[in-house]
Amino acid sequence: MNGAAGNVAGGLTLDCHVGQDGSTTAQDALTNAATGALGNAQNHGVTHALEQHGSLGGDHVSDRGKLADHAFANTVGTTLNTGVYAAGSGIETDIQDLLKDEDK
């Protein structure tokens, strides 16, 4: 939910700033929500798999180990979210460009 809300808020801010029409703004909001939710789900899955494998967390992790785990998880999460968002935005832009070409 956080990823979806954050992506939608950022997209709406940008669309308002550049003066996008309502249809484009709605398409952007849908894509931003989907990529944010998918990115968060993917992050949760990866983190859970690493915890189950024993690569992250544990009962006897030192404070330094916990810090390293959080840094690793945040880096992986940011990278995954960026990849999902970039892919979704690229597809969305291609579809919008195709629709604009059909209108001409």
Protein backbone atom coordinates (compact mmCIF):
# COMPACT_ATOMS: atom_id res chain seq x y z
CA MET A 1 0.00 0.00 0.00
CA ASN A 2 2.83 2.43 0.84
CA GLY A 3 4.49 1.94 -2.54
CA ALA A 4 1.23 2.44 -4.41
CA ALA A 5 0.33 5.59 -2.45
CA GLY A 6 3.82 7.04 -2.80
CA ASN A 7 3.98 6.40 -6.54
CA VAL A 8 0.50 7.85 -7.11
CA ALA A 9 1.28 10.98 -5.07
CA GLY A 10 4.52 11.56 -6.95
CA GLY A 11 2.89 10.97 -10.32
CA LEU A 12 -0.03 13.30 -9.58
CA THR A 13 2.35 16.01 -8.44
CA LEU A 14 4.32 15.74 -11.67
CA ASP A 15 1.21 15.57 -13.88
CA CYS A 16 -0.24 18.69 -12.21
CA HIS A 17 3.07 20.50 -12.58
CA VAL A 18 3.36 19.79 -16.32
CA GLY A 19 -0.37 20.26 -17.01
CA GLN A 20 -1.29 16.76 -18.20
CA ASP A 21 -4.86 16.15 -19.33
CA GLY A 22 -7.25 14.13 -17.18
CA SER A 23 -7.00 10.94 -19.22
CA THR A 24 -3.21 10.86 -19.06
CA THR A 25 -3.28 11.64 -15.34
CA ALA A 26 -5.72 8.76 -14.72
CA GLN A 27 -3.54 6.37 -16.74
CA ASP A 28 -0.48 7.53 -14.84
CA ALA A 29 -2.22 7.03 -11.48
CA LEU A 30 -3.23 3.49 -12.41
CA THR A 31 0.27 2.59 -13.57
CA ASN A 32 1.86 4.22 -10.52
CA ALA A 33 -0.44 2.33 -8.16
CA ALA A 34 0.19 -0.99 -9.89
CA THR A 35 3.98 -0.60 -10.01
CA GLY A 36 4.12 0.55 -6.37
CA ALA A 37 2.03 -2.38 -5.16
CA LEU A 38 3.95 -4.88 -7.30
CA GLY A 39 7.31 -3.50 -6.16
CA ASN A 40 6.31 -3.79 -2.50
CA ALA A 41 5.01 -7.33 -2.96
CA GLN A 42 8.24 -8.29 -4.69
CA ASN A 43 10.30 -6.74 -1.88
CA HIS A 44 8.30 -8.61 0.74
CA GLY A 45 8.79 -11.88 -1.13
CA VAL A 46 12.54 -11.43 -1.50
CA THR A 47 13.02 -10.36 2.12
CA HIS A 48 10.90 -13.26 3.36
CA ALA A 49 12.85 -15.74 1.22
CA LEU A 50 16.17 -14.41 2.53
CA GLU A 51 14.93 -14.64 6.11
CA GLN A 52 13.76 -18.22 5.57
CA HIS A 53 17.08 -19.12 3.97
CA GLY A 54 18.92 -17.67 6.96
CA SER A 55 20.61 -14.89 5.03
CA LEU A 56 18.80 -12.13 6.92
CA GLY A 57 17.69 -11.83 10.52
CA GLY A 58 17.89 -14.50 13.12
CA ASP A 59 17.62 -14.77 16.86
CA HIS A 60 21.24 -13.99 17.67
CA VAL A 61 22.13 -11.18 15.26
CA SER A 62 24.31 -8.44 16.73
CA ASP A 63 23.36 -4.77 16.46
CA ARG A 64 25.93 -4.43 13.68
CA GLY A 65 24.40 -7.45 11.94
CA LYS A 66 20.92 -5.96 12.22
CA LEU A 67 22.19 -2.71 10.74
CA ALA A 68 23.81 -4.59 7.85
CA ASP A 69 20.62 -6.59 7.28
CA HIS A 70 18.52 -3.41 7.14
CA ALA A 71 20.98 -1.69 4.81
CA PHE A 72 21.00 -4.70 2.49
CA ALA A 73 17.20 -5.06 2.53
CA ASN A 74 16.70 -1.33 1.86
CA THR A 75 19.17 -1.37 -1.02
CA VAL A 76 17.59 -4.45 -2.60
CA GLY A 77 14.10 -3.02 -2.04
CA THR A 78 14.95 0.31 -3.64
CA THR A 79 16.54 -1.43 -6.61
CA LEU A 80 13.56 -3.74 -7.11
CA ASN A 81 11.06 -0.87 -6.83
CA THR A 82 13.05 1.23 -9.28
CA GLY A 83 13.15 -1.62 -11.80
CA VAL A 84 9.42 -2.34 -11.53
CA TYR A 85 8.55 1.37 -11.76
CA ALA A 86 10.81 1.93 -14.77
CA ALA A 87 9.35 -1.05 -16.61
CA GLY A 88 5.76 0.00 -15.88
CA SER A 89 6.42 3.61 -16.84
CA GLY A 90 8.09 2.56 -20.08
CA ILE A 91 5.15 0.37 -21.06
CA GLU A 92 2.69 3.10 -20.11
CA THR A 93 4.55 5.70 -22.19
CA ASP A 94 4.61 3.37 -25.19
CA ILE A 95 0.86 2.79 -24.92
CA GLN A 96 0.15 6.51 -24.55
CA ASP A 97 2.32 7.25 -27.61
CA LEU A 98 0.47 4.59 -29.63
CA LEU A 99 -2.88 6.06 -28.62
CA LYS A 100 -1.71 9.56 -29.60
CA ASP A 101 -0.61 8.26 -33.00
CA GLU A 102 -4.05 6.68 -33.56
CA ASP A 103 -5.76 10.01 -32.80
CA LYS A 104 -3.83 11.80 -35.55
